[in-house]
Amino acid sequence: MAQPGTPVPDPGGDNDNPNYSIWPNVGQVVNDLGDSVPSIAYYTEGFPQTYFQTNGLISFVYSTRDTVAGVDTLRRLDLTCAGPNANYPDPTTTVLRNHVANFDLPQCGPGGATGVPAYGRTTYMDEYPGIDLQVYSGLGGQRLAFVVNPAGDPNDIQLLVQGQDSMVVDTAGNLRLMMDGQWVVLPE
């Protein structure tokens, strides 16, 4: 059994995409008013862009390009663990990548932020007693996994999902979320 925070192999064999990076927020993340958002601890770039917040909320931001009007539409899907045994731990990162970023932005302080490391996996340790939530990316896309340690009870796991147009569980047990006419699938 994996130790808490230990990356677990993806059951589909699609374990790690070295191009997927999770960046710590050192002040570069701002809201639409240009104000820093310290509640966002980490984020990803690419599709979907993902924000890992300190209050247990994970937000996935999807963009849809309108080729007629030339305007992009952003949709946000929020995922929060719920239920009486849910904890809201701060996310941590593992799987250090071989690259860094520099943010020469005024909100990052004098001289900006340099040498900011990238990571490959985010973990919410003890999201439920004895259960960790890990987010990472394989070659087939972003993955979300609950790691149930020996003391954990999988019946504790409950998700609150907001932002979708509709939601169904298909015959294979996958959670399917409809957003702007496209399915976002969370495999069983």
Protein backbone atom coordinates (compact mmCIF):
# COMPACT_ATOMS: atom_id res chain seq x y z
CA MET A 1 0.00 0.00 0.00
CA ALA A 2 1.24 3.50 -0.80
CA GLN A 3 2.42 5.79 1.96
CA PRO A 4 0.49 9.08 2.29
CA GLY A 5 1.49 11.47 -0.49
CA THR A 6 3.24 8.75 -2.50
CA PRO A 7 2.40 8.93 -6.21
CA VAL A 8 0.37 5.89 -7.16
CA PRO A 9 0.51 4.31 -10.62
CA ASP A 10 -2.36 5.17 -12.90
CA PRO A 11 -4.53 2.06 -13.33
CA GLY A 12 -4.67 2.72 -17.08
CA GLY A 13 -0.87 2.66 -17.35
CA ASP A 14 -0.88 6.35 -18.30
CA ASN A 15 1.14 7.46 -15.28
CA ASP A 16 3.11 10.64 -16.04
CA ASN A 17 3.29 13.30 -18.69
CA PRO A 18 6.58 15.19 -18.21
CA ASN A 19 5.14 18.19 -20.09
CA TYR A 20 2.40 18.67 -17.48
CA SER A 21 3.46 21.19 -14.86
CA ILE A 22 1.92 22.45 -11.66
CA TRP A 23 3.21 25.88 -10.64
CA PRO A 24 3.19 27.39 -7.16
CA ASN A 25 1.43 30.75 -6.95
CA VAL A 26 4.13 33.20 -5.91
CA GLY A 27 1.95 36.20 -6.70
CA GLN A 28 1.57 35.78 -10.47
CA VAL A 29 -2.08 34.66 -10.29
CA VAL A 30 -4.44 37.63 -10.32
CA ASN A 31 -8.18 38.05 -10.64
CA ASP A 32 -9.95 40.09 -13.33
CA LEU A 33 -9.26 43.28 -11.33
CA GLY A 34 -5.52 42.59 -11.20
CA ASP A 35 -5.52 41.72 -7.49
CA SER A 36 -3.46 38.80 -6.18
CA VAL A 37 -5.37 35.64 -5.29
CA PRO A 38 -3.49 34.08 -2.35
CA SER A 39 -6.16 31.38 -1.86
CA ILE A 40 -4.85 29.71 -5.03
CA ALA A 41 -1.82 27.70 -3.92
CA TYR A 42 -0.97 26.06 -7.27
CA TYR A 43 -2.20 26.04 -10.87
CA THR A 44 -1.61 24.39 -14.23
CA GLU A 45 -1.49 25.77 -17.73
CA GLY A 46 -2.99 24.15 -20.80
CA PHE A 47 -6.36 22.48 -21.18
CA PRO A 48 -8.06 22.52 -18.83
CA GLN A 49 -6.32 25.12 -16.73
CA THR A 50 -6.61 23.98 -13.12
CA TYR A 51 -6.45 25.94 -9.88
CA PHE A 52 -5.72 24.23 -6.55
CA GLN A 53 -7.02 26.33 -3.68
CA THR A 54 -6.24 26.28 0.01
CA ASN A 55 -9.91 25.79 0.95
CA GLY A 56 -10.15 22.36 -0.70
CA LEU A 57 -11.65 23.69 -3.92
CA ILE A 58 -10.26 22.55 -7.28
CA SER A 59 -11.37 24.63 -10.27
CA PHE A 60 -11.04 23.47 -13.87
CA VAL A 61 -11.29 26.26 -16.45
CA TYR A 62 -12.31 25.28 -19.97
CA SER A 63 -12.16 27.62 -22.93
CA THR A 64 -14.31 27.49 -26.03
CA ARG A 65 -13.30 29.54 -29.06
CA ASP A 66 -16.13 31.16 -30.96
CA THR A 67 -14.77 31.32 -34.51
CA VAL A 68 -17.69 33.46 -35.71
CA ALA A 69 -17.52 36.24 -33.11
CA GLY A 70 -13.79 35.78 -32.43
CA VAL A 71 -14.43 35.66 -28.68
CA ASP A 72 -13.33 32.96 -26.27
CA THR A 73 -15.77 31.73 -23.65
CA LEU A 74 -14.42 30.52 -20.32
CA ARG A 75 -16.35 28.02 -18.20
CA ARG A 76 -15.35 26.98 -14.71
CA LEU A 77 -16.09 23.61 -13.16
CA ASP A 78 -15.58 23.52 -9.39
CA LEU A 79 -14.95 20.29 -7.51
CA THR A 80 -15.04 20.14 -3.72
CA CYS A 81 -14.95 17.16 -1.44
CA ALA A 82 -18.06 17.15 0.75
CA GLY A 83 -19.68 15.16 3.50
CA PRO A 84 -19.33 15.04 7.27
CA ASN A 85 -15.82 13.54 7.20
CA ALA A 86 -14.35 15.89 4.57
CA ASN A 87 -11.27 17.83 5.57
CA TYR A 88 -9.93 20.79 3.65
CA PRO A 89 -6.15 20.37 3.75
CA ASP A 90 -3.82 22.65 1.86
CA PRO A 91 -2.49 21.05 -1.31
CA THR A 92 1.11 19.90 -1.51
CA THR A 93 3.21 19.00 -4.55
CA THR A 94 5.52 16.15 -5.48
CA VAL A 95 7.33 14.95 -8.62
CA LEU A 96 9.73 17.85 -9.16
CA ARG A 97 10.12 18.71 -12.86
CA ASN A 98 13.37 19.69 -14.59
CA HIS A 99 12.26 23.21 -15.46
CA VAL A 100 11.61 26.50 -13.69
CA ALA A 101 9.78 29.72 -14.54
CA ASN A 102 10.48 33.38 -13.93
CA PHE A 103 7.68 35.86 -13.29
CA ASP A 104 8.83 39.42 -13.87
CA LEU A 105 5.55 40.92 -12.71
CA PRO A 106 4.99 43.85 -10.36
CA GLN A 107 2.69 41.82 -8.08
CA CYS A 108 5.52 39.31 -7.47
CA GLY A 109 7.52 41.92 -5.56
CA PRO A 110 10.71 43.80 -6.36
CA GLY A 111 12.65 41.87 -8.97
CA GLY A 112 9.76 39.47 -9.64
CA ALA A 113 9.95 35.77 -8.79
CA THR A 114 12.76 33.74 -10.33
CA GLY A 115 13.57 30.06 -10.39
CA VAL A 116 10.01 28.99 -9.53
CA PRO A 117 9.98 25.16 -9.68
CA ALA A 118 7.42 23.08 -11.55
CA TYR A 119 5.85 19.90 -10.18
CA GLY A 120 3.98 16.95 -11.67
CA ARG A 121 1.49 16.04 -8.96
CA THR A 122 -0.70 17.78 -6.38
CA THR A 123 -1.94 15.97 -3.29
CA TYR A 124 -4.57 16.89 -0.72
CA MET A 125 -3.36 14.69 2.18
CA ASP A 126 -6.14 13.25 4.35
CA GLU A 127 -8.91 14.83 2.30
CA TYR A 128 -10.94 12.31 4.24
CA PRO A 129 -9.52 10.34 7.17
CA GLY A 130 -7.07 7.90 5.60
CA ILE A 131 -7.84 9.08 2.04
CA ASP A 132 -5.66 11.36 -0.11
CA LEU A 133 -6.77 13.13 -3.29
CA GLN A 134 -4.13 13.32 -6.03
CA VAL A 135 -4.24 15.27 -9.29
CA TYR A 136 -1.69 14.60 -12.03
CA SER A 137 -1.51 14.12 -15.77
CA GLY A 138 -0.82 11.15 -17.94
CA LEU A 139 -0.26 11.20 -21.67
CA GLY A 140 -4.04 10.90 -22.11
CA GLY A 141 -4.88 13.98 -20.04
CA GLN A 142 -5.42 15.17 -16.51
CA ARG A 143 -6.15 12.55 -13.85
CA LEU A 144 -7.81 12.67 -10.44
CA ALA A 145 -7.40 9.78 -7.99
CA PHE A 146 -8.45 9.03 -4.45
CA VAL A 147 -5.83 6.96 -2.63
CA VAL A 148 -7.57 4.94 0.09
CA ASN A 149 -5.04 3.96 2.73
CA PRO A 150 -5.77 1.03 5.11
CA ALA A 151 -7.49 3.30 7.67
CA GLY A 152 -9.69 4.99 5.05
CA ASP A 153 -13.32 4.29 4.26
CA PRO A 154 -14.20 4.81 0.57
CA ASN A 155 -17.83 5.42 1.62
CA ASP A 156 -16.66 8.79 3.02
CA ILE A 157 -15.97 10.11 -0.49
CA GLN A 158 -18.60 12.61 -1.66
CA LEU A 159 -18.11 15.26 -4.33
CA LEU A 160 -19.82 18.59 -4.78
CA VAL A 161 -19.57 19.61 -8.43
CA GLN A 162 -20.68 23.04 -9.65
CA GLY A 163 -20.62 24.71 -13.05
CA GLN A 164 -21.86 21.92 -15.32
CA ASP A 165 -25.01 22.09 -17.45
CA SER A 166 -26.02 18.54 -16.51
CA MET A 167 -24.58 15.47 -14.82
CA VAL A 168 -25.16 11.72 -15.23
CA VAL A 169 -23.53 8.46 -14.22
CA ASP A 170 -23.20 6.23 -17.29
CA THR A 171 -23.59 2.43 -17.39
CA ALA A 172 -19.82 1.98 -16.81
CA GLY A 173 -19.98 4.04 -13.59
CA ASN A 174 -18.29 7.12 -15.06
CA LEU A 175 -19.44 10.55 -13.94
CA ARG A 176 -20.27 12.54 -17.08
CA LEU A 177 -20.58 16.32 -16.82
CA MET A 178 -22.04 18.26 -19.75
CA MET A 179 -20.49 21.70 -20.39
CA ASP A 180 -21.30 23.72 -23.51
CA GLY A 181 -22.37 20.63 -25.45
CA GLN A 182 -19.24 18.62 -24.58
CA TRP A 183 -18.77 15.88 -22.00
CA VAL A 184 -16.18 16.06 -19.26
CA VAL A 185 -15.73 12.48 -18.00
CA LEU A 186 -14.50 11.46 -14.56
CA PRO A 187 -13.86 7.71 -14.87
CA GLU A 188 -15.08 5.42 -12.08
